[in-house]
Amino acid sequence: MSARYVTRERAHVDRIATAWAIKRFVEPDATFAFVKRTIDIDSVDGTPFDIRGALLSHRGQQCTFEVLLEDRGLTDPALARMGAIVRGADLPHEDELPAESDGVRAVFDAIRDADMTDDERLRIGSELCDALYAYCRGGG
């Protein structure tokens, strides 16, 4: 049986990238559920991420994607570079963002705001994460 991960609805860049990394590098059979942002995490059926109070969430200056990389020992330099871009897109008020973060944020804003389900957001966003990872691996 696959693990179930739970995050907030209207998935955006950090939640999508984290789900992508879970499926790609941690647990390929993982499933995902999307809940209201006000949910009590003690009531979720699965492992919560990027939800207030979850262990797998923002930590210090790190976005959830970067916390996942650190907690799971994923040391691929391309993932680290991708993490910096995702953090910049998720937290645009920070200083010294990677140049790519603005464009990534714009695309993921469009995905979040589109009239589609979170499963569709995750599918489309995962394809974009595949492309971003390839870009980061190629030194782009």
N, C-alpha and C. Protein backbone atom coordinates (compact mmCIF):
# COMPACT_ATOMS: atom_id res chain seq x y z
N MET A 1 0.84 -1.18 0.00
CA MET A 1 0.00 0.00 0.00
C MET A 1 0.89 1.25 0.00
N SER A 2 0.50 2.21 -0.79
CA SER A 2 1.32 3.41 -0.91
C SER A 2 1.00 4.40 0.21
N ALA A 3 1.95 5.24 0.49
CA ALA A 3 1.76 6.27 1.50
C ALA A 3 0.89 7.39 0.93
N ARG A 4 0.15 7.99 1.80
CA ARG A 4 -0.72 9.10 1.41
C ARG A 4 -0.16 10.37 2.04
N TYR A 5 0.00 11.39 1.23
CA TYR A 5 0.48 12.68 1.68
C TYR A 5 -0.66 13.68 1.52
N VAL A 6 -0.73 14.62 2.45
CA VAL A 6 -1.83 15.58 2.47
C VAL A 6 -1.26 16.99 2.53
N THR A 7 -1.80 17.87 1.68
CA THR A 7 -1.38 19.26 1.68
C THR A 7 -2.58 20.16 1.41
N ARG A 8 -2.33 21.46 1.44
CA ARG A 8 -3.42 22.41 1.25
C ARG A 8 -3.89 22.46 -0.21
N GLU A 9 -5.15 22.78 -0.37
CA GLU A 9 -5.74 22.90 -1.70
C GLU A 9 -5.16 24.12 -2.44
N ARG A 10 -5.51 24.23 -3.72
CA ARG A 10 -5.00 25.27 -4.61
C ARG A 10 -3.46 25.24 -4.61
N ALA A 11 -2.95 24.06 -4.89
CA ALA A 11 -1.51 23.83 -4.84
C ALA A 11 -0.75 24.85 -5.67
N HIS A 12 0.37 25.28 -5.11
CA HIS A 12 1.23 26.27 -5.74
C HIS A 12 2.63 25.69 -5.82
N VAL A 13 3.61 26.48 -6.15
CA VAL A 13 4.95 26.02 -6.52
C VAL A 13 5.60 25.12 -5.47
N ASP A 14 5.63 25.50 -4.21
CA ASP A 14 6.33 24.70 -3.20
C ASP A 14 5.62 23.37 -2.96
N ARG A 15 4.30 23.40 -2.87
CA ARG A 15 3.55 22.15 -2.65
C ARG A 15 3.66 21.23 -3.85
N ILE A 16 3.59 21.79 -5.04
CA ILE A 16 3.70 20.96 -6.25
C ILE A 16 5.10 20.38 -6.37
N ALA A 17 6.11 21.21 -6.18
CA ALA A 17 7.49 20.73 -6.29
C ALA A 17 7.80 19.67 -5.23
N THR A 18 7.27 19.85 -4.03
CA THR A 18 7.49 18.87 -2.97
C THR A 18 6.81 17.54 -3.32
N ALA A 19 5.57 17.61 -3.79
CA ALA A 19 4.87 16.38 -4.21
C ALA A 19 5.63 15.70 -5.34
N TRP A 20 6.10 16.49 -6.30
CA TRP A 20 6.88 15.95 -7.42
C TRP A 20 8.12 15.21 -6.89
N ALA A 21 8.85 15.82 -5.96
CA ALA A 21 10.07 15.20 -5.42
C ALA A 21 9.74 13.94 -4.63
N ILE A 22 8.64 13.96 -3.89
CA ILE A 22 8.23 12.76 -3.16
C ILE A 22 8.02 11.61 -4.14
N LYS A 23 7.26 11.84 -5.20
CA LYS A 23 6.98 10.78 -6.17
C LYS A 23 8.22 10.37 -6.95
N ARG A 24 9.06 11.32 -7.28
CA ARG A 24 10.21 11.03 -8.14
C ARG A 24 11.38 10.41 -7.38
N PHE A 25 11.60 10.83 -6.13
CA PHE A 25 12.82 10.43 -5.43
C PHE A 25 12.60 9.70 -4.11
N VAL A 26 11.40 9.77 -3.55
CA VAL A 26 11.18 9.21 -2.22
C VAL A 26 10.24 8.01 -2.27
N GLU A 27 9.07 8.21 -2.82
CA GLU A 27 8.04 7.16 -2.81
C GLU A 27 7.22 7.22 -4.09
N PRO A 28 7.63 6.49 -5.12
CA PRO A 28 6.97 6.57 -6.43
C PRO A 28 5.48 6.24 -6.41
N ASP A 29 5.03 5.46 -5.45
CA ASP A 29 3.62 5.08 -5.39
C ASP A 29 2.79 5.98 -4.48
N ALA A 30 3.37 7.07 -4.00
CA ALA A 30 2.65 7.97 -3.10
C ALA A 30 1.39 8.52 -3.77
N THR A 31 0.38 8.76 -2.94
CA THR A 31 -0.83 9.43 -3.39
C THR A 31 -0.96 10.74 -2.61
N PHE A 32 -1.76 11.65 -3.15
CA PHE A 32 -1.87 12.98 -2.55
C PHE A 32 -3.33 13.37 -2.40
N ALA A 33 -3.60 14.05 -1.28
CA ALA A 33 -4.93 14.59 -1.02
C ALA A 33 -4.76 16.07 -0.70
N PHE A 34 -5.76 16.84 -1.04
CA PHE A 34 -5.72 18.29 -0.87
C PHE A 34 -6.87 18.71 0.03
N VAL A 35 -6.54 19.49 1.06
CA VAL A 35 -7.52 19.86 2.08
C VAL A 35 -7.56 21.38 2.27
N LYS A 36 -8.58 21.84 2.95
CA LYS A 36 -8.71 23.26 3.28
C LYS A 36 -7.52 23.71 4.12
N ARG A 37 -7.11 24.94 3.95
CA ARG A 37 -5.94 25.45 4.68
C ARG A 37 -6.18 25.54 6.18
N THR A 38 -7.43 25.54 6.60
CA THR A 38 -7.76 25.67 8.02
C THR A 38 -7.87 24.34 8.75
N ILE A 39 -7.57 23.25 8.07
CA ILE A 39 -7.73 21.92 8.68
C ILE A 39 -6.79 21.74 9.87
N ASP A 40 -7.25 21.01 10.85
CA ASP A 40 -6.43 20.62 11.99
C ASP A 40 -5.59 19.43 11.53
N ILE A 41 -4.27 19.57 11.58
CA ILE A 41 -3.43 18.49 11.03
C ILE A 41 -3.59 17.18 11.78
N ASP A 42 -4.07 17.23 13.00
CA ASP A 42 -4.30 15.99 13.73
C ASP A 42 -5.44 15.16 13.14
N SER A 43 -6.24 15.79 12.28
CA SER A 43 -7.37 15.08 11.69
C SER A 43 -7.09 14.57 10.28
N VAL A 44 -5.90 14.83 9.74
CA VAL A 44 -5.64 14.39 8.37
C VAL A 44 -5.28 12.92 8.33
N ASP A 45 -5.69 12.27 7.26
CA ASP A 45 -5.40 10.85 7.05
C ASP A 45 -4.23 10.76 6.09
N GLY A 46 -3.03 10.79 6.63
CA GLY A 46 -1.83 10.74 5.82
C GLY A 46 -0.75 11.62 6.42
N THR A 47 0.35 11.77 5.71
CA THR A 47 1.47 12.59 6.15
C THR A 47 1.26 14.01 5.65
N PRO A 48 1.06 14.97 6.56
CA PRO A 48 0.85 16.34 6.11
C PRO A 48 2.15 17.01 5.69
N PHE A 49 2.06 17.86 4.67
CA PHE A 49 3.20 18.69 4.30
C PHE A 49 2.72 20.06 3.84
N ASP A 50 3.54 21.04 4.13
CA ASP A 50 3.25 22.44 3.82
C ASP A 50 1.88 22.86 4.37
N ILE A 51 1.60 22.38 5.58
CA ILE A 51 0.41 22.75 6.34
C ILE A 51 0.92 23.22 7.70
N ARG A 52 0.36 24.28 8.21
CA ARG A 52 0.77 24.80 9.52
C ARG A 52 0.81 23.68 10.56
N GLY A 53 1.95 23.55 11.22
CA GLY A 53 2.12 22.55 12.26
C GLY A 53 2.72 21.24 11.79
N ALA A 54 2.85 21.05 10.48
CA ALA A 54 3.42 19.81 9.95
C ALA A 54 4.94 19.80 10.11
N LEU A 55 5.50 18.63 10.33
CA LEU A 55 6.95 18.51 10.40
C LEU A 55 7.60 18.80 9.05
N LEU A 56 6.94 18.38 8.00
CA LEU A 56 7.44 18.62 6.65
C LEU A 56 6.80 19.90 6.14
N SER A 57 7.45 21.01 6.45
CA SER A 57 6.95 22.33 6.10
C SER A 57 8.12 23.30 6.14
N HIS A 58 7.86 24.57 5.94
CA HIS A 58 8.92 25.57 6.00
C HIS A 58 9.66 25.45 7.32
N ARG A 59 10.97 25.63 7.23
CA ARG A 59 11.82 25.55 8.43
C ARG A 59 12.89 26.62 8.28
N GLY A 60 12.89 27.57 9.18
CA GLY A 60 13.86 28.67 9.06
C GLY A 60 13.65 29.38 7.74
N GLN A 61 14.71 29.52 6.96
CA GLN A 61 14.62 30.15 5.65
C GLN A 61 14.28 29.16 4.53
N GLN A 62 14.16 27.89 4.85
CA GLN A 62 13.91 26.86 3.84
C GLN A 62 12.43 26.73 3.53
N CYS A 63 12.14 26.51 2.25
CA CYS A 63 10.78 26.15 1.85
C CYS A 63 10.62 24.63 2.06
N THR A 64 9.40 24.16 1.94
CA THR A 64 9.11 22.74 2.20
C THR A 64 9.93 21.83 1.29
N PHE A 65 10.08 22.20 0.02
CA PHE A 65 10.87 21.41 -0.93
C PHE A 65 12.29 21.21 -0.39
N GLU A 66 12.91 22.27 0.10
CA GLU A 66 14.27 22.17 0.62
C GLU A 66 14.32 21.33 1.90
N VAL A 67 13.30 21.45 2.74
CA VAL A 67 13.24 20.63 3.96
C VAL A 67 13.16 19.15 3.59
N LEU A 68 12.35 18.82 2.59
CA LEU A 68 12.26 17.43 2.13
C LEU A 68 13.63 16.94 1.68
N LEU A 69 14.33 17.73 0.88
CA LEU A 69 15.66 17.32 0.39
C LEU A 69 16.59 17.04 1.56
N GLU A 70 16.59 17.94 2.54
CA GLU A 70 17.47 17.77 3.70
C GLU A 70 17.07 16.56 4.53
N ASP A 71 15.79 16.44 4.83
CA ASP A 71 15.32 15.35 5.70
C ASP A 71 15.51 13.98 5.06
N ARG A 72 15.42 13.90 3.75
CA ARG A 72 15.55 12.61 3.06
C ARG A 72 16.95 12.37 2.51
N GLY A 73 17.88 13.27 2.78
CA GLY A 73 19.26 13.09 2.36
C GLY A 73 19.45 13.14 0.85
N LEU A 74 18.62 13.92 0.17
CA LEU A 74 18.72 14.07 -1.28
C LEU A 74 19.74 15.17 -1.58
N THR A 75 20.94 14.77 -1.99
CA THR A 75 22.07 15.70 -2.10
C THR A 75 22.44 16.06 -3.54
N ASP A 76 21.62 15.70 -4.49
CA ASP A 76 21.87 16.03 -5.89
C ASP A 76 21.99 17.55 -6.04
N PRO A 77 23.12 18.04 -6.58
CA PRO A 77 23.28 19.49 -6.74
C PRO A 77 22.18 20.14 -7.60
N ALA A 78 21.65 19.41 -8.56
CA ALA A 78 20.57 19.96 -9.38
C ALA A 78 19.31 20.16 -8.55
N LEU A 79 19.04 19.26 -7.62
CA LEU A 79 17.89 19.44 -6.72
C LEU A 79 18.10 20.62 -5.79
N ALA A 80 19.34 20.81 -5.33
CA ALA A 80 19.63 21.96 -4.47
C ALA A 80 19.42 23.25 -5.25
N ARG A 81 19.87 23.29 -6.48
CA ARG A 81 19.67 24.48 -7.32
C ARG A 81 18.19 24.71 -7.56
N MET A 82 17.47 23.65 -7.85
CA MET A 82 16.03 23.73 -8.03
C MET A 82 15.36 24.24 -6.75
N GLY A 83 15.84 23.77 -5.61
CA GLY A 83 15.29 24.22 -4.33
C GLY A 83 15.42 25.72 -4.14
N ALA A 84 16.56 26.27 -4.52
CA ALA A 84 16.74 27.73 -4.41
C ALA A 84 15.76 28.47 -5.31
N ILE A 85 15.53 27.95 -6.50
CA ILE A 85 14.58 28.57 -7.44
C ILE A 85 13.17 28.47 -6.89
N VAL A 86 12.80 27.29 -6.38
CA VAL A 86 11.46 27.10 -5.81
C VAL A 86 11.27 28.02 -4.61
N ARG A 87 12.28 28.11 -3.73
CA ARG A 87 12.17 29.00 -2.57
C ARG A 87 11.96 30.44 -3.03
N GLY A 88 12.71 30.87 -4.03
CA GLY A 88 12.56 32.23 -4.54
C GLY A 88 11.19 32.48 -5.13
N ALA A 89 10.62 31.47 -5.78
CA ALA A 89 9.29 31.60 -6.37
C ALA A 89 8.22 31.57 -5.28
N ASP A 90 8.45 30.80 -4.23
CA ASP A 90 7.47 30.66 -3.15
C ASP A 90 7.54 31.84 -2.16
N LEU A 91 8.73 32.37 -1.97
CA LEU A 91 8.95 33.45 -1.01
C LEU A 91 9.62 34.63 -1.70
N PRO A 92 8.90 35.31 -2.58
CA PRO A 92 9.51 36.33 -3.44
C PRO A 92 10.00 37.58 -2.70
N HIS A 93 9.68 37.72 -1.42
CA HIS A 93 10.11 38.89 -0.67
C HIS A 93 11.55 38.77 -0.16
N GLU A 94 12.16 37.61 -0.33
CA GLU A 94 13.53 37.42 0.15
C GLU A 94 14.53 38.12 -0.76
N ASP A 95 15.71 38.38 -0.24
CA ASP A 95 16.78 39.01 -1.01
C ASP A 95 17.51 37.98 -1.86
N GLU A 96 18.16 38.45 -2.91
CA GLU A 96 19.04 37.64 -3.74
C GLU A 96 18.39 36.37 -4.25
N LEU A 97 17.29 36.52 -4.94
CA LEU A 97 16.59 35.38 -5.53
C LEU A 97 17.28 34.96 -6.82
N PRO A 98 17.25 33.67 -7.14
CA PRO A 98 17.75 33.26 -8.45
C PRO A 98 16.93 33.95 -9.55
N ALA A 99 17.57 34.28 -10.64
CA ALA A 99 16.90 34.98 -11.74
C ALA A 99 15.69 34.21 -12.25
N GLU A 100 15.74 32.88 -12.19
CA GLU A 100 14.66 32.05 -12.71
C GLU A 100 13.39 32.08 -11.86
N SER A 101 13.51 32.49 -10.61
CA SER A 101 12.38 32.42 -9.68
C SER A 101 11.16 33.22 -10.13
N ASP A 102 11.37 34.40 -10.69
CA ASP A 102 10.24 35.22 -11.13
C ASP A 102 9.41 34.52 -12.20
N GLY A 103 10.07 33.94 -13.18
CA GLY A 103 9.36 33.23 -14.24
C GLY A 103 8.66 31.99 -13.74
N VAL A 104 9.34 31.26 -12.87
CA VAL A 104 8.74 30.06 -12.29
C VAL A 104 7.50 30.44 -11.49
N ARG A 105 7.59 31.50 -10.70
CA ARG A 105 6.43 31.95 -9.92
C ARG A 105 5.27 32.33 -10.84
N ALA A 106 5.54 33.03 -11.92
CA ALA A 106 4.48 33.45 -12.84
C ALA A 106 3.75 32.24 -13.42
N VAL A 107 4.50 31.24 -13.83
CA VAL A 107 3.88 30.05 -14.41
C VAL A 107 3.06 29.29 -13.36
N PHE A 108 3.61 29.14 -12.17
CA PHE A 108 2.88 28.43 -11.12
C PHE A 108 1.70 29.24 -10.58
N ASP A 109 1.78 30.57 -10.64
CA ASP A 109 0.60 31.39 -10.30
C ASP A 109 -0.53 31.07 -11.27
N ALA A 110 -0.20 30.95 -12.55
CA ALA A 110 -1.23 30.63 -13.55
C ALA A 110 -1.84 29.26 -13.30
N ILE A 111 -1.01 28.29 -12.93
CA ILE A 111 -1.52 26.95 -12.62
C ILE A 111 -2.44 27.01 -11.40
N ARG A 112 -2.02 27.69 -10.36
CA ARG A 112 -2.83 27.79 -9.14
C ARG A 112 -4.17 28.45 -9.42
N ASP A 113 -4.18 29.48 -10.26
CA ASP A 113 -5.38 30.27 -10.49
C ASP A 113 -6.28 29.72 -11.59
N ALA A 114 -5.81 28.72 -12.32
CA ALA A 114 -6.60 28.14 -13.42
C ALA A 114 -7.79 27.37 -12.87
N ASP A 115 -8.79 27.24 -13.70
CA ASP A 115 -10.00 26.49 -13.33
C ASP A 115 -9.74 25.00 -13.56
N MET A 116 -9.13 24.38 -12.54
CA MET A 116 -8.82 22.95 -12.62
C MET A 116 -8.75 22.38 -11.22
N THR A 117 -8.71 21.08 -11.13
CA THR A 117 -8.61 20.42 -9.83
C THR A 117 -7.15 20.43 -9.37
N ASP A 118 -6.95 20.16 -8.09
CA ASP A 118 -5.58 20.07 -7.59
C ASP A 118 -4.84 18.88 -8.19
N ASP A 119 -5.54 17.81 -8.50
CA ASP A 119 -4.88 16.69 -9.18
C ASP A 119 -4.35 17.12 -10.55
N GLU A 120 -5.13 17.95 -11.25
CA GLU A 120 -4.66 18.47 -12.54
C GLU A 120 -3.50 19.44 -12.34
N ARG A 121 -3.58 20.28 -11.32
CA ARG A 121 -2.46 21.18 -11.01
C ARG A 121 -1.18 20.38 -10.75
N LEU A 122 -1.33 19.30 -9.99
CA LEU A 122 -0.17 18.47 -9.68
C LEU A 122 0.39 17.81 -10.94
N ARG A 123 -0.47 17.33 -11.80
CA ARG A 123 0.00 16.68 -13.04
C ARG A 123 0.75 17.67 -13.92
N ILE A 124 0.15 18.83 -14.17
CA ILE A 124 0.79 19.83 -15.02
C ILE A 124 2.05 20.39 -14.36
N GLY A 125 1.95 20.69 -13.07
CA GLY A 125 3.10 21.22 -12.34
C GLY A 125 4.25 20.23 -12.28
N SER A 126 3.94 18.95 -12.20
CA SER A 126 5.00 17.93 -12.18
C SER A 126 5.75 17.89 -13.50
N GLU A 127 5.05 18.08 -14.60
CA GLU A 127 5.72 18.15 -15.90
C GLU A 127 6.66 19.35 -15.94
N LEU A 128 6.23 20.47 -15.38
CA LEU A 128 7.10 21.64 -15.31
C LEU A 128 8.29 21.39 -14.39
N CYS A 129 8.07 20.67 -13.31
CA CYS A 129 9.18 20.33 -12.41
C CYS A 129 10.19 19.42 -13.10
N ASP A 130 9.71 18.49 -13.93
CA ASP A 130 10.63 17.66 -14.72
C ASP A 130 11.52 18.56 -15.59
N ALA A 131 10.90 19.55 -16.22
CA ALA A 131 11.65 20.46 -17.09
C ALA A 131 12.62 21.32 -16.29
N LEU A 132 12.19 21.83 -15.15
CA LEU A 132 13.06 22.65 -14.31
C LEU A 132 14.24 21.83 -13.79
N TYR A 133 13.99 20.59 -13.41
CA TYR A 133 15.06 19.72 -12.95
C TYR A 133 16.07 19.47 -14.08
N ALA A 134 15.58 19.22 -15.27
CA ALA A 134 16.49 19.03 -16.42
C ALA A 134 17.32 20.29 -16.66
N TYR A 135 16.69 21.44 -16.55
CA TYR A 135 17.39 22.71 -16.69
C TYR A 135 18.49 22.82 -15.64
N CYS A 136 18.16 22.51 -14.40
CA CYS A 136 19.13 22.61 -13.31
C CYS A 136 20.27 21.59 -13.46
N ARG A 137 19.98 20.46 -14.01
CA ARG A 137 21.01 19.44 -14.25
C ARG A 137 21.94 19.85 -15.37
N GLY A 138 21.41 20.59 -16.35
CA GLY A 138 22.21 21.00 -17.49
C GLY A 138 23.03 22.25 -17.28
N GLY A 139 22.87 22.86 -16.12
CA GLY A 139 23.66 24.05 -15.84
C GLY A 139 23.06 25.32 -16.39
N GLY A 140 21.89 25.23 -17.04
CA GLY A 140 21.17 26.32 -17.66
C GLY A 140 21.29 27.67 -17.07
